[in-house]
Amino acid sequence: MQIQFNTDKTIEGHERMQNHFSAEIEEKLKRFDDKITRLEIHIGDENSDKFGLDDKRCVIEAKLAGLNPIVVTHNADSVEKAFSGASDKIKKVLTTTYDKMKSH
């Protein structure tokens, strides 16, 4: 599984964050390792330097072998919470998708 990590200019700690989040999502999605060709993770702050509730956004797009890509988004008050929420959502969607395929 190839992981592409993108942040906007307002997010600091890109390399450290990329290593941490990549390891975390690889562990969380290891069950789907042979089914996912690429993951694109986009993290940003929707209102830049201004304060706002739930203004950090994480978008995860999973490119799947033989299927259409799946995209999830999660907003939170911190980058870590936004990533955690989005990674939980993508795991749930992938589990549902592949469980449905098994039952047919």
N, C-alpha and C. Protein backbone atom coordinates (compact mmCIF):
# COMPACT_ATOMS: atom_id res chain seq x y z
N MET A 1 0.85 -1.16 0.00
CA MET A 1 0.00 0.00 0.00
C MET A 1 0.91 1.24 0.00
N GLN A 2 0.70 2.07 -0.98
CA GLN A 2 1.44 3.32 -1.08
C GLN A 2 0.65 4.41 -0.38
N ILE A 3 1.33 5.24 0.41
CA ILE A 3 0.66 6.31 1.14
C ILE A 3 1.23 7.65 0.69
N GLN A 4 0.35 8.51 0.22
CA GLN A 4 0.73 9.87 -0.16
C GLN A 4 0.13 10.81 0.86
N PHE A 5 0.95 11.67 1.42
CA PHE A 5 0.55 12.53 2.53
C PHE A 5 0.69 13.99 2.10
N ASN A 6 -0.37 14.77 2.27
CA ASN A 6 -0.37 16.18 1.88
C ASN A 6 -0.91 17.03 3.02
N THR A 7 -0.27 18.19 3.24
CA THR A 7 -0.78 19.15 4.21
C THR A 7 -0.82 20.52 3.55
N ASP A 8 -1.67 21.38 4.08
CA ASP A 8 -1.65 22.75 3.58
C ASP A 8 -0.56 23.52 4.30
N LYS A 9 -0.35 24.76 3.89
CA LYS A 9 0.77 25.55 4.42
C LYS A 9 0.63 25.92 5.89
N THR A 10 -0.54 25.77 6.47
CA THR A 10 -0.75 26.17 7.87
C THR A 10 -0.43 25.04 8.85
N ILE A 11 -0.19 23.84 8.35
CA ILE A 11 0.08 22.70 9.23
C ILE A 11 1.59 22.53 9.39
N GLU A 12 2.06 22.50 10.64
CA GLU A 12 3.49 22.34 10.92
C GLU A 12 3.82 20.89 11.25
N GLY A 13 5.10 20.56 11.16
CA GLY A 13 5.55 19.22 11.52
C GLY A 13 5.23 18.17 10.48
N HIS A 14 5.29 18.55 9.24
CA HIS A 14 4.87 17.67 8.15
C HIS A 14 5.57 16.30 8.19
N GLU A 15 6.90 16.25 8.27
CA GLU A 15 7.61 14.98 8.19
C GLU A 15 7.34 14.08 9.40
N ARG A 16 7.39 14.66 10.59
CA ARG A 16 7.11 13.88 11.81
C ARG A 16 5.69 13.36 11.79
N MET A 17 4.77 14.25 11.39
CA MET A 17 3.36 13.88 11.33
C MET A 17 3.14 12.78 10.29
N GLN A 18 3.79 12.92 9.15
CA GLN A 18 3.64 11.93 8.09
C GLN A 18 4.09 10.56 8.56
N ASN A 19 5.23 10.48 9.21
CA ASN A 19 5.73 9.19 9.70
C ASN A 19 4.79 8.58 10.73
N HIS A 20 4.33 9.39 11.65
CA HIS A 20 3.43 8.90 12.71
C HIS A 20 2.10 8.43 12.13
N PHE A 21 1.47 9.29 11.33
CA PHE A 21 0.16 8.95 10.77
C PHE A 21 0.24 7.80 9.78
N SER A 22 1.32 7.71 9.01
CA SER A 22 1.47 6.60 8.06
C SER A 22 1.55 5.27 8.79
N ALA A 23 2.34 5.24 9.85
CA ALA A 23 2.46 4.00 10.64
C ALA A 23 1.12 3.64 11.27
N GLU A 24 0.42 4.64 11.77
CA GLU A 24 -0.87 4.40 12.42
C GLU A 24 -1.91 3.84 11.44
N ILE A 25 -1.97 4.42 10.25
CA ILE A 25 -2.99 3.97 9.29
C ILE A 25 -2.61 2.62 8.67
N GLU A 26 -1.32 2.37 8.49
CA GLU A 26 -0.89 1.06 8.00
C GLU A 26 -1.33 -0.04 8.97
N GLU A 27 -1.17 0.22 10.26
CA GLU A 27 -1.58 -0.75 11.28
C GLU A 27 -3.09 -0.93 11.28
N LYS A 28 -3.82 0.19 11.19
CA LYS A 28 -5.27 0.15 11.25
C LYS A 28 -5.87 -0.56 10.03
N LEU A 29 -5.24 -0.41 8.87
CA LEU A 29 -5.79 -0.96 7.63
C LEU A 29 -5.01 -2.16 7.10
N LYS A 30 -4.20 -2.80 7.95
CA LYS A 30 -3.37 -3.91 7.47
C LYS A 30 -4.20 -5.06 6.89
N ARG A 31 -5.41 -5.20 7.35
CA ARG A 31 -6.30 -6.24 6.82
C ARG A 31 -6.59 -6.03 5.32
N PHE A 32 -6.54 -4.77 4.88
CA PHE A 32 -6.86 -4.42 3.50
C PHE A 32 -5.62 -4.13 2.66
N ASP A 33 -4.45 -4.46 3.16
CA ASP A 33 -3.19 -4.12 2.51
C ASP A 33 -3.11 -4.58 1.06
N ASP A 34 -3.62 -5.77 0.78
CA ASP A 34 -3.56 -6.29 -0.59
C ASP A 34 -4.67 -5.74 -1.48
N LYS A 35 -5.63 -5.04 -0.93
CA LYS A 35 -6.76 -4.51 -1.70
C LYS A 35 -6.60 -3.02 -2.01
N ILE A 36 -5.82 -2.30 -1.21
CA ILE A 36 -5.62 -0.87 -1.39
C ILE A 36 -4.34 -0.66 -2.18
N THR A 37 -4.46 0.04 -3.32
CA THR A 37 -3.26 0.33 -4.09
C THR A 37 -2.59 1.61 -3.61
N ARG A 38 -3.40 2.59 -3.18
CA ARG A 38 -2.82 3.84 -2.70
C ARG A 38 -3.80 4.54 -1.76
N LEU A 39 -3.23 5.18 -0.74
CA LEU A 39 -3.99 6.04 0.17
C LEU A 39 -3.47 7.46 0.01
N GLU A 40 -4.38 8.40 -0.15
CA GLU A 40 -4.01 9.81 -0.17
C GLU A 40 -4.62 10.46 1.06
N ILE A 41 -3.77 11.06 1.87
CA ILE A 41 -4.20 11.71 3.10
C ILE A 41 -3.95 13.21 2.96
N HIS A 42 -5.01 13.99 3.10
CA HIS A 42 -4.91 15.44 3.00
C HIS A 42 -5.33 16.05 4.34
N ILE A 43 -4.44 16.85 4.93
CA ILE A 43 -4.73 17.48 6.21
C ILE A 43 -4.61 18.98 6.04
N GLY A 44 -5.60 19.70 6.57
CA GLY A 44 -5.55 21.15 6.45
C GLY A 44 -6.35 21.85 7.52
N ASP A 45 -6.15 23.13 7.57
CA ASP A 45 -6.87 24.01 8.49
C ASP A 45 -7.78 24.88 7.63
N GLU A 46 -9.07 24.71 7.80
CA GLU A 46 -10.04 25.36 6.92
C GLU A 46 -10.06 26.88 7.01
N ASN A 47 -9.71 27.44 8.16
CA ASN A 47 -9.76 28.89 8.26
C ASN A 47 -8.41 29.48 8.65
N SER A 48 -7.35 28.81 8.30
CA SER A 48 -5.99 29.30 8.44
C SER A 48 -5.65 29.68 9.88
N ASP A 49 -5.22 30.90 10.08
CA ASP A 49 -4.76 31.33 11.40
C ASP A 49 -5.88 31.71 12.36
N LYS A 50 -7.08 31.81 11.87
CA LYS A 50 -8.21 32.20 12.71
C LYS A 50 -8.66 31.02 13.57
N PHE A 51 -9.21 31.34 14.72
CA PHE A 51 -9.74 30.30 15.59
C PHE A 51 -11.11 29.85 15.09
N GLY A 52 -11.35 28.58 15.18
CA GLY A 52 -12.66 28.06 14.81
C GLY A 52 -12.84 26.67 15.39
N LEU A 53 -14.06 26.32 15.66
CA LEU A 53 -14.35 24.98 16.16
C LEU A 53 -14.35 24.01 15.00
N ASP A 54 -13.74 22.88 15.21
CA ASP A 54 -13.69 21.83 14.20
C ASP A 54 -13.19 22.35 12.86
N ASP A 55 -12.13 23.14 12.88
CA ASP A 55 -11.61 23.72 11.65
C ASP A 55 -10.46 22.92 11.03
N LYS A 56 -10.02 21.86 11.70
CA LYS A 56 -8.99 20.99 11.12
C LYS A 56 -9.71 19.88 10.35
N ARG A 57 -9.26 19.65 9.13
CA ARG A 57 -9.93 18.65 8.29
C ARG A 57 -8.93 17.61 7.81
N CYS A 58 -9.37 16.36 7.82
CA CYS A 58 -8.60 15.27 7.24
C CYS A 58 -9.48 14.57 6.21
N VAL A 59 -8.94 14.46 5.00
CA VAL A 59 -9.61 13.73 3.93
C VAL A 59 -8.72 12.55 3.58
N ILE A 60 -9.30 11.36 3.55
CA ILE A 60 -8.56 10.16 3.16
C ILE A 60 -9.26 9.55 1.96
N GLU A 61 -8.48 9.34 0.89
CA GLU A 61 -8.99 8.70 -0.31
C GLU A 61 -8.25 7.37 -0.48
N ALA A 62 -9.01 6.30 -0.54
CA ALA A 62 -8.44 4.97 -0.74
C ALA A 62 -8.70 4.54 -2.18
N LYS A 63 -7.62 4.29 -2.91
CA LYS A 63 -7.74 3.77 -4.27
C LYS A 63 -7.66 2.26 -4.16
N LEU A 64 -8.71 1.60 -4.63
CA LEU A 64 -8.84 0.16 -4.44
C LEU A 64 -8.65 -0.57 -5.76
N ALA A 65 -8.04 -1.74 -5.68
CA ALA A 65 -7.83 -2.56 -6.86
C ALA A 65 -9.18 -3.05 -7.37
N GLY A 66 -9.52 -2.67 -8.59
CA GLY A 66 -10.74 -3.15 -9.23
C GLY A 66 -12.02 -2.48 -8.80
N LEU A 67 -11.97 -1.48 -7.93
CA LEU A 67 -13.16 -0.78 -7.45
C LEU A 67 -12.96 0.72 -7.56
N ASN A 68 -14.04 1.46 -7.43
CA ASN A 68 -13.96 2.91 -7.41
C ASN A 68 -13.29 3.37 -6.11
N PRO A 69 -12.63 4.51 -6.14
CA PRO A 69 -12.02 5.04 -4.91
C PRO A 69 -13.08 5.37 -3.86
N ILE A 70 -12.66 5.30 -2.60
CA ILE A 70 -13.54 5.65 -1.48
C ILE A 70 -12.91 6.86 -0.78
N VAL A 71 -13.73 7.87 -0.49
CA VAL A 71 -13.24 9.08 0.15
C VAL A 71 -14.05 9.34 1.42
N VAL A 72 -13.34 9.67 2.50
CA VAL A 72 -14.00 10.06 3.75
C VAL A 72 -13.37 11.37 4.24
N THR A 73 -14.15 12.13 4.98
CA THR A 73 -13.70 13.40 5.54
C THR A 73 -14.11 13.48 7.00
N HIS A 74 -13.23 14.06 7.80
CA HIS A 74 -13.58 14.27 9.21
C HIS A 74 -12.99 15.60 9.67
N ASN A 75 -13.81 16.40 10.33
CA ASN A 75 -13.38 17.67 10.90
C ASN A 75 -13.33 17.54 12.42
N ALA A 76 -12.34 18.22 13.02
CA ALA A 76 -12.20 18.21 14.48
C ALA A 76 -11.45 19.46 14.92
N ASP A 77 -11.25 19.58 16.21
CA ASP A 77 -10.56 20.76 16.73
C ASP A 77 -9.04 20.62 16.73
N SER A 78 -8.53 19.43 16.40
CA SER A 78 -7.09 19.23 16.29
C SER A 78 -6.80 18.32 15.10
N VAL A 79 -5.58 18.42 14.61
CA VAL A 79 -5.16 17.59 13.47
C VAL A 79 -5.23 16.11 13.85
N GLU A 80 -4.79 15.79 15.05
CA GLU A 80 -4.78 14.39 15.49
C GLU A 80 -6.19 13.81 15.55
N LYS A 81 -7.12 14.58 16.07
CA LYS A 81 -8.50 14.11 16.16
C LYS A 81 -9.13 13.99 14.78
N ALA A 82 -8.81 14.93 13.90
CA ALA A 82 -9.34 14.87 12.53
C ALA A 82 -8.82 13.62 11.82
N PHE A 83 -7.52 13.34 11.98
CA PHE A 83 -6.95 12.15 11.36
C PHE A 83 -7.54 10.87 11.95
N SER A 84 -7.65 10.83 13.26
CA SER A 84 -8.20 9.65 13.92
C SER A 84 -9.63 9.37 13.47
N GLY A 85 -10.44 10.42 13.40
CA GLY A 85 -11.82 10.26 12.95
C GLY A 85 -11.92 9.79 11.51
N ALA A 86 -11.08 10.36 10.64
CA ALA A 86 -11.10 9.96 9.23
C ALA A 86 -10.59 8.53 9.05
N SER A 87 -9.55 8.16 9.80
CA SER A 87 -9.03 6.80 9.66
C SER A 87 -10.03 5.77 10.20
N ASP A 88 -10.77 6.11 11.25
CA ASP A 88 -11.82 5.21 11.74
C ASP A 88 -12.93 5.06 10.69
N LYS A 89 -13.29 6.18 10.04
CA LYS A 89 -14.33 6.14 9.01
C LYS A 89 -13.90 5.29 7.81
N ILE A 90 -12.66 5.45 7.35
CA ILE A 90 -12.22 4.70 6.17
C ILE A 90 -12.16 3.21 6.49
N LYS A 91 -11.75 2.87 7.70
CA LYS A 91 -11.72 1.45 8.10
C LYS A 91 -13.14 0.88 8.11
N LYS A 92 -14.08 1.63 8.64
CA LYS A 92 -15.47 1.17 8.70
C LYS A 92 -16.06 0.99 7.30
N VAL A 93 -15.81 1.96 6.41
CA VAL A 93 -16.33 1.87 5.04
C VAL A 93 -15.70 0.69 4.30
N LEU A 94 -14.40 0.50 4.45
CA LEU A 94 -13.73 -0.63 3.79
C LEU A 94 -14.24 -1.96 4.32
N THR A 95 -14.43 -2.04 5.62
CA THR A 95 -14.95 -3.27 6.22
C THR A 95 -16.33 -3.58 5.66
N THR A 96 -17.20 -2.59 5.62
CA THR A 96 -18.55 -2.77 5.09
C THR A 96 -18.51 -3.17 3.61
N THR A 97 -17.68 -2.50 2.84
CA THR A 97 -17.59 -2.78 1.39
C THR A 97 -17.15 -4.21 1.14
N TYR A 98 -16.09 -4.64 1.79
CA TYR A 98 -15.56 -5.98 1.54
C TYR A 98 -16.42 -7.07 2.19
N ASP A 99 -17.08 -6.79 3.30
CA ASP A 99 -17.99 -7.76 3.89
C ASP A 99 -19.20 -7.99 2.98
N LYS A 100 -19.70 -6.93 2.36
CA LYS A 100 -20.81 -7.07 1.42
C LYS A 100 -20.41 -7.89 0.21
N MET A 101 -19.18 -7.70 -0.25
CA MET A 101 -18.70 -8.44 -1.42
C MET A 101 -18.58 -9.94 -1.10
N LYS A 102 -18.19 -10.26 0.12
CA LYS A 102 -18.07 -11.66 0.53
C LYS A 102 -19.44 -12.35 0.56
N SER A 103 -20.46 -11.61 0.97
CA SER A 103 -21.78 -12.22 1.13
C SER A 103 -22.52 -12.43 -0.18
N HIS A 104 -22.01 -11.85 -1.26
CA HIS A 104 -22.68 -12.02 -2.55
C HIS A 104 -22.06 -13.08 -3.38
